[in-house]
Amino acid sequence: MLFDPGTFAHGFEGITGLSAILITHQHPDHVDMSRLPALLEGNADAALYADPQTAEQLGVPCQAVHVGDELTIGELTVRGVGGRHAEIHPEIPVIDNISYLVGDSDHRARLMHPGDALFVPDEPVDVLATPAAAPWMKISEAVDYLRAVAPARAVPIHQGVVAPDARGLYYGRITEMTSADFQVLPEENGVTF
């Protein structure tokens, strides 16, 4: 399963053996339209899922995921939640953004990938792939979001927008202001939880 193969991601075109590709919303840093065809070609059996607006724009077979939808991918259950991107600015229209809650037989919310939404589920989340740094986000929003979701563990997405030399300071502030086990994952690696 792969989330948001966007312009900040590296090397996903060569990944094979995927069962699903899940896209949260239409922004290029979450779906790179120029590299998506190679990913789909290398994963012909993978299901493609996206929010309704993106599914309409893709021009390839894609299942639109709405709030309340429940998907079965292998032994996992994936639920569509949220539905809207976080506000960037009052003058910029808010777009669709489907967040994904991935569960297994032991935990209905083992992993949450919100994309660029600040949706807070009404159930405990084990691991949150959090937009801890995003082009539209203030650090106070990142801290408040992590406090509201209160996951056991959190890993940042959007690492590409924080200069490598500033990551220690930026992520250190988030770590000291929240109670989640905040872990910055090594780039270019797949991770198994």
C-alpha atoms as a PDB file:
ATOM      1  CA  MET A   1       0.000   0.000   0.000  1.00  0.00           C
ATOM      2  CA  LEU A   2       1.375   3.425  -0.956  1.00  0.00           C
ATOM      3  CA  PHE A   3       0.011   6.821   0.105  1.00  0.00           C
ATOM      4  CA  ASP A   4       0.292  10.054  -1.873  1.00  0.00           C
ATOM      5  CA  PRO A   5       2.929   9.497  -4.580  1.00  0.00           C
ATOM      6  CA  GLY A   6       3.642  13.201  -5.016  1.00  0.00           C
ATOM      7  CA  THR A   7       6.357  15.538  -6.225  1.00  0.00           C
ATOM      8  CA  PHE A   8       8.263  15.522  -2.908  1.00  0.00           C
ATOM      9  CA  ALA A   9       8.507  11.703  -2.960  1.00  0.00           C
ATOM     10  CA  HIS A  10      11.496   9.981  -4.534  1.00  0.00           C
ATOM     11  CA  GLY A  11      11.832   6.587  -6.207  1.00  0.00           C
ATOM     12  CA  PHE A  12       8.250   5.382  -6.059  1.00  0.00           C
ATOM     13  CA  GLU A  13       8.101   4.781  -9.817  1.00  0.00           C
ATOM     14  CA  GLY A  14      10.203   1.640  -9.386  1.00  0.00           C
ATOM     15  CA  ILE A  15       8.084   0.144  -6.613  1.00  0.00           C
ATOM     16  CA  THR A  16       6.245  -3.038  -7.617  1.00  0.00           C
ATOM     17  CA  GLY A  17       3.959  -5.488  -5.838  1.00  0.00           C
ATOM     18  CA  LEU A  18       1.586  -2.873  -4.428  1.00  0.00           C
ATOM     19  CA  SER A  19      -1.964  -3.883  -3.585  1.00  0.00           C
ATOM     20  CA  ALA A  20      -3.249  -0.298  -3.446  1.00  0.00           C
ATOM     21  CA  ILE A  21      -2.313   3.320  -4.110  1.00  0.00           C
ATOM     22  CA  LEU A  22      -4.221   5.833  -1.992  1.00  0.00           C
ATOM     23  CA  ILE A  23      -4.313   9.538  -2.805  1.00  0.00           C
ATOM     24  CA  THR A  24      -5.656  12.048  -0.300  1.00  0.00           C
ATOM     25  CA  HIS A  25      -6.086  15.062  -2.597  1.00  0.00           C
ATOM     26  CA  GLN A  26      -5.155  16.719  -5.880  1.00  0.00           C
ATOM     27  CA  HIS A  27      -2.187  18.911  -4.912  1.00  0.00           C
ATOM     28  CA  PRO A  28       1.004  17.953  -6.798  1.00  0.00           C
ATOM     29  CA  ASP A  29       2.922  17.147  -3.619  1.00  0.00           C
ATOM     30  CA  HIS A  30       0.354  14.380  -3.019  1.00  0.00           C
ATOM     31  CA  VAL A  31      -0.107  13.131  -6.587  1.00  0.00           C
ATOM     32  CA  ASP A  32       2.549  13.634  -9.235  1.00  0.00           C
ATOM     33  CA  MET A  33       0.520  13.313 -12.441  1.00  0.00           C
ATOM     34  CA  SER A  34       3.650  12.942 -14.586  1.00  0.00           C
ATOM     35  CA  ARG A  35       5.064   9.985 -12.613  1.00  0.00           C
ATOM     36  CA  LEU A  36       1.796   8.267 -11.667  1.00  0.00           C
ATOM     37  CA  PRO A  37       1.488   6.384 -15.005  1.00  0.00           C
ATOM     38  CA  ALA A  38       4.831   4.594 -14.459  1.00  0.00           C
ATOM     39  CA  LEU A  39       3.757   3.614 -10.946  1.00  0.00           C
ATOM     40  CA  LEU A  40       0.452   2.244 -12.238  1.00  0.00           C
ATOM     41  CA  GLU A  41       2.188   0.400 -15.077  1.00  0.00           C
ATOM     42  CA  GLY A  42       4.509  -1.322 -12.606  1.00  0.00           C
ATOM     43  CA  ASN A  43       1.562  -2.230 -10.370  1.00  0.00           C
ATOM     44  CA  ALA A  44      -1.139  -3.309 -12.788  1.00  0.00           C
ATOM     45  CA  ASP A  45      -3.008  -5.244 -10.073  1.00  0.00           C
ATOM     46  CA  ALA A  46      -3.008  -2.365  -7.570  1.00  0.00           C
ATOM     47  CA  ALA A  47      -6.304  -0.617  -6.874  1.00  0.00           C
ATOM     48  CA  LEU A  48      -6.179   3.176  -7.158  1.00  0.00           C
ATOM     49  CA  TYR A  49      -8.200   5.216  -4.659  1.00  0.00           C
ATOM     50  CA  ALA A  50      -8.591   8.976  -4.280  1.00  0.00           C
ATOM     51  CA  ASP A  51     -10.874  11.694  -3.009  1.00  0.00           C
ATOM     52  CA  PRO A  52     -13.794  12.393  -5.402  1.00  0.00           C
ATOM     53  CA  GLN A  53     -12.295  15.529  -7.021  1.00  0.00           C
ATOM     54  CA  THR A  54      -8.956  13.864  -7.750  1.00  0.00           C
ATOM     55  CA  ALA A  55     -10.604  10.650  -8.993  1.00  0.00           C
ATOM     56  CA  GLU A  56     -12.507  12.775 -11.509  1.00  0.00           C
ATOM     57  CA  GLN A  57      -9.305  14.467 -12.729  1.00  0.00           C
ATOM     58  CA  LEU A  58      -7.056  11.411 -13.046  1.00  0.00           C
ATOM     59  CA  GLY A  59      -8.269  10.053 -16.374  1.00  0.00           C
ATOM     60  CA  VAL A  60      -7.445   6.471 -15.320  1.00  0.00           C
ATOM     61  CA  PRO A  61      -9.606   3.912 -13.513  1.00  0.00           C
ATOM     62  CA  CYS A  62      -9.821   5.106  -9.929  1.00  0.00           C
ATOM     63  CA  GLN A  63     -12.311   4.504  -7.146  1.00  0.00           C
ATOM     64  CA  ALA A  64     -13.499   7.675  -5.452  1.00  0.00           C
ATOM     65  CA  VAL A  65     -13.434   7.381  -1.664  1.00  0.00           C
ATOM     66  CA  HIS A  66     -16.054   9.307   0.283  1.00  0.00           C
ATOM     67  CA  VAL A  67     -16.364   9.932   4.001  1.00  0.00           C
ATOM     68  CA  GLY A  68     -17.815   6.759   5.521  1.00  0.00           C
ATOM     69  CA  ASP A  69     -16.546   4.408   2.796  1.00  0.00           C
ATOM     70  CA  GLU A  70     -14.849   1.245   4.009  1.00  0.00           C
ATOM     71  CA  LEU A  71     -12.375  -0.635   1.827  1.00  0.00           C
ATOM     72  CA  THR A  72     -10.797  -4.034   2.314  1.00  0.00           C
ATOM     73  CA  ILE A  73      -7.188  -4.208   1.159  1.00  0.00           C
ATOM     74  CA  GLY A  74      -5.703  -7.593   1.941  1.00  0.00           C
ATOM     75  CA  GLU A  75      -6.204  -8.140   5.659  1.00  0.00           C
ATOM     76  CA  LEU A  76      -6.590  -4.438   6.346  1.00  0.00           C
ATOM     77  CA  THR A  77      -9.662  -2.245   6.574  1.00  0.00           C
ATOM     78  CA  VAL A  78      -9.313   1.290   5.251  1.00  0.00           C
ATOM     79  CA  ARG A  79     -11.940   3.881   6.144  1.00  0.00           C
ATOM     80  CA  GLY A  80     -12.465   7.245   4.481  1.00  0.00           C
ATOM     81  CA  VAL A  81     -12.818  10.060   7.035  1.00  0.00           C
ATOM     82  CA  GLY A  82     -12.574  13.847   7.164  1.00  0.00           C
ATOM     83  CA  GLY A  83     -13.328  15.074   3.665  1.00  0.00           C
ATOM     84  CA  ARG A  84     -11.822  18.567   3.455  1.00  0.00           C
ATOM     85  CA  HIS A  85      -8.314  20.028   3.110  1.00  0.00           C
ATOM     86  CA  ALA A  86      -7.173  22.361   5.892  1.00  0.00           C
ATOM     87  CA  GLU A  87      -7.736  26.028   5.142  1.00  0.00           C
ATOM     88  CA  ILE A  88      -4.735  27.550   3.408  1.00  0.00           C
ATOM     89  CA  HIS A  89      -6.128  31.093   3.278  1.00  0.00           C
ATOM     90  CA  PRO A  90      -9.709  32.418   3.402  1.00  0.00           C
ATOM     91  CA  GLU A  91      -9.432  33.527  -0.255  1.00  0.00           C
ATOM     92  CA  ILE A  92      -8.346  30.089  -1.519  1.00  0.00           C
ATOM     93  CA  PRO A  93     -11.184  27.605  -2.046  1.00  0.00           C
ATOM     94  CA  VAL A  94     -11.051  24.548   0.205  1.00  0.00           C
ATOM     95  CA  ILE A  95     -10.763  21.308  -1.786  1.00  0.00           C
ATOM     96  CA  ASP A  96     -11.633  17.669  -1.067  1.00  0.00           C
ATOM     97  CA  ASN A  97      -9.127  15.742   1.042  1.00  0.00           C
ATOM     98  CA  ILE A  98      -9.995  12.235   2.150  1.00  0.00           C
ATOM     99  CA  SER A  99      -8.125  11.020   5.211  1.00  0.00           C
ATOM    100  CA  TYR A 100      -7.509   7.305   5.611  1.00  0.00           C
ATOM    101  CA  LEU A 101      -7.808   5.256   8.811  1.00  0.00           C
ATOM    102  CA  VAL A 102      -6.123   1.881   8.356  1.00  0.00           C
ATOM    103  CA  GLY A 103      -7.034  -0.884  10.769  1.00  0.00           C
ATOM    104  CA  ASP A 104      -6.220  -4.497  11.378  1.00  0.00           C
ATOM    105  CA  SER A 105      -7.837  -7.209  13.484  1.00  0.00           C
ATOM    106  CA  ASP A 106      -6.302  -5.765  16.666  1.00  0.00           C
ATOM    107  CA  HIS A 107      -6.837  -2.030  16.172  1.00  0.00           C
ATOM    108  CA  ARG A 108      -9.391  -0.212  13.969  1.00  0.00           C
ATOM    109  CA  ALA A 109      -7.125   2.847  13.695  1.00  0.00           C
ATOM    110  CA  ARG A 110      -3.637   1.371  13.533  1.00  0.00           C
ATOM    111  CA  LEU A 111      -2.523   4.130  11.133  1.00  0.00           C
ATOM    112  CA  MET A 112      -4.054   7.429  10.055  1.00  0.00           C
ATOM    113  CA  HIS A 113      -2.880   9.274   6.964  1.00  0.00           C
ATOM    114  CA  PRO A 114      -4.746  12.595   6.870  1.00  0.00           C
ATOM    115  CA  GLY A 115      -3.088  14.110   3.805  1.00  0.00           C
ATOM    116  CA  ASP A 116      -3.456  17.850   4.352  1.00  0.00           C
ATOM    117  CA  ALA A 117      -6.504  17.679   6.578  1.00  0.00           C
ATOM    118  CA  LEU A 118      -6.544  18.439  10.271  1.00  0.00           C
ATOM    119  CA  PHE A 119      -9.360  15.985  10.889  1.00  0.00           C
ATOM    120  CA  VAL A 120      -9.512  14.603  14.426  1.00  0.00           C
ATOM    121  CA  PRO A 121     -11.099  11.145  14.652  1.00  0.00           C
ATOM    122  CA  ASP A 122     -13.241  10.172  17.624  1.00  0.00           C
ATOM    123  CA  GLU A 123     -11.179   7.063  18.325  1.00  0.00           C
ATOM    124  CA  PRO A 124      -7.596   6.422  19.445  1.00  0.00           C
ATOM    125  CA  VAL A 125      -4.975   6.353  16.693  1.00  0.00           C
ATOM    126  CA  ASP A 126      -1.833   4.270  17.092  1.00  0.00           C
ATOM    127  CA  VAL A 127       0.369   5.869  14.386  1.00  0.00           C
ATOM    128  CA  LEU A 128      -0.364   9.249  12.792  1.00  0.00           C
ATOM    129  CA  ALA A 129       1.373  10.262   9.565  1.00  0.00           C
ATOM    130  CA  THR A 130       1.074  13.904  10.504  1.00  0.00           C
ATOM    131  CA  PRO A 131       1.408  17.014   8.377  1.00  0.00           C
ATOM    132  CA  ALA A 132       3.923  18.342  10.905  1.00  0.00           C
ATOM    133  CA  ALA A 133       5.336  20.693   8.308  1.00  0.00           C
ATOM    134  CA  ALA A 134       3.472  21.794   5.223  1.00  0.00           C
ATOM    135  CA  PRO A 135       3.728  24.814   2.922  1.00  0.00           C
ATOM    136  CA  TRP A 136       0.434  26.162   4.323  1.00  0.00           C
ATOM    137  CA  MET A 137       0.975  25.347   8.008  1.00  0.00           C
ATOM    138  CA  LYS A 138       2.158  27.159  11.134  1.00  0.00           C
ATOM    139  CA  ILE A 139       3.996  25.184  13.817  1.00  0.00           C
ATOM    140  CA  SER A 140       1.156  25.996  16.230  1.00  0.00           C
ATOM    141  CA  GLU A 141      -1.249  24.121  13.949  1.00  0.00           C
ATOM    142  CA  ALA A 142       1.079  21.104  13.900  1.00  0.00           C
ATOM    143  CA  VAL A 143       1.359  21.083  17.690  1.00  0.00           C
ATOM    144  CA  ASP A 144      -2.378  21.593  18.254  1.00  0.00           C
ATOM    145  CA  TYR A 145      -3.237  18.857  15.750  1.00  0.00           C
ATOM    146  CA  LEU A 146      -0.901  16.341  17.385  1.00  0.00           C
ATOM    147  CA  ARG A 147      -2.313  17.214  20.804  1.00  0.00           C
ATOM    148  CA  ALA A 148      -5.899  16.809  19.538  1.00  0.00           C
ATOM    149  CA  VAL A 149      -5.351  13.423  17.854  1.00  0.00           C
ATOM    150  CA  ALA A 150      -2.995  12.266  20.650  1.00  0.00           C
ATOM    151  CA  PRO A 151      -1.565   9.264  18.779  1.00  0.00           C
ATOM    152  CA  ALA A 152       0.790   6.843  20.480  1.00  0.00           C
ATOM    153  CA  ARG A 153       3.331   7.515  17.714  1.00  0.00           C
ATOM    154  CA  ALA A 154       3.636  10.136  14.993  1.00  0.00           C
ATOM    155  CA  VAL A 155       5.772  10.439  11.871  1.00  0.00           C
ATOM    156  CA  PRO A 156       5.973  13.641   9.839  1.00  0.00           C
ATOM    157  CA  ILE A 157       4.944  13.977   6.230  1.00  0.00           C
ATOM    158  CA  HIS A 158       6.036  16.971   4.121  1.00  0.00           C
ATOM    159  CA  GLN A 159       9.657  16.716   5.233  1.00  0.00           C
ATOM    160  CA  GLY A 160      10.668  18.294   1.914  1.00  0.00           C
ATOM    161  CA  VAL A 161       9.402  21.719   2.983  1.00  0.00           C
ATOM    162  CA  VAL A 162      11.684  21.949   6.024  1.00  0.00           C
ATOM    163  CA  ALA A 163      15.329  22.638   5.173  1.00  0.00           C
ATOM    164  CA  PRO A 164      17.463  19.697   6.353  1.00  0.00           C
ATOM    165  CA  ASP A 165      19.511  21.999   8.615  1.00  0.00           C
ATOM    166  CA  ALA A 166      16.310  23.248  10.304  1.00  0.00           C
ATOM    167  CA  ARG A 167      14.619  19.897  10.890  1.00  0.00           C
ATOM    168  CA  GLY A 168      16.219  19.296  14.289  1.00  0.00           C
ATOM    169  CA  LEU A 169      15.013  22.634  15.613  1.00  0.00           C
ATOM    170  CA  TYR A 170      11.583  22.426  13.995  1.00  0.00           C
ATOM    171  CA  TYR A 171      10.835  18.817  14.922  1.00  0.00           C
ATOM    172  CA  GLY A 172      12.461  19.270  18.329  1.00  0.00           C
ATOM    173  CA  ARG A 173       9.910  21.951  19.149  1.00  0.00           C
ATOM    174  CA  ILE A 174       7.056  19.624  18.169  1.00  0.00           C
ATOM    175  CA  THR A 175       8.558  16.809  20.251  1.00  0.00           C
ATOM    176  CA  GLU A 176       8.875  18.898  23.392  1.00  0.00           C
ATOM    177  CA  MET A 177       5.346  20.328  23.065  1.00  0.00           C
ATOM    178  CA  THR A 178       3.452  17.061  22.481  1.00  0.00           C
ATOM    179  CA  SER A 179       3.256  13.689  24.178  1.00  0.00           C
ATOM    180  CA  ALA A 180       3.343  11.505  21.044  1.00  0.00           C
ATOM    181  CA  ASP A 181       6.413   9.397  20.330  1.00  0.00           C
ATOM    182  CA  PHE A 182       7.456  11.620  17.400  1.00  0.00           C
ATOM    183  CA  GLN A 183       9.870   9.866  15.034  1.00  0.00           C
ATOM    184  CA  VAL A 184      11.416  11.276  11.877  1.00  0.00           C
ATOM    185  CA  LEU A 185      11.811   8.342   9.510  1.00  0.00           C
ATOM    186  CA  PRO A 186      14.850   7.997   7.263  1.00  0.00           C
ATOM    187  CA  GLU A 187      14.176   9.184   3.745  1.00  0.00           C
ATOM    188  CA  GLU A 188      13.992   6.758   0.823  1.00  0.00           C
ATOM    189  CA  ASN A 189      12.998   3.806   3.001  1.00  0.00           C
ATOM    190  CA  GLY A 190       9.825   1.800   3.335  1.00  0.00           C
ATOM    191  CA  VAL A 191       8.583   1.376   6.866  1.00  0.00           C
ATOM    192  CA  THR A 192       6.647  -1.464   8.441  1.00  0.00           C
ATOM    193  CA  PHE A 193       4.629  -0.945  11.614  1.00  0.00           C
END
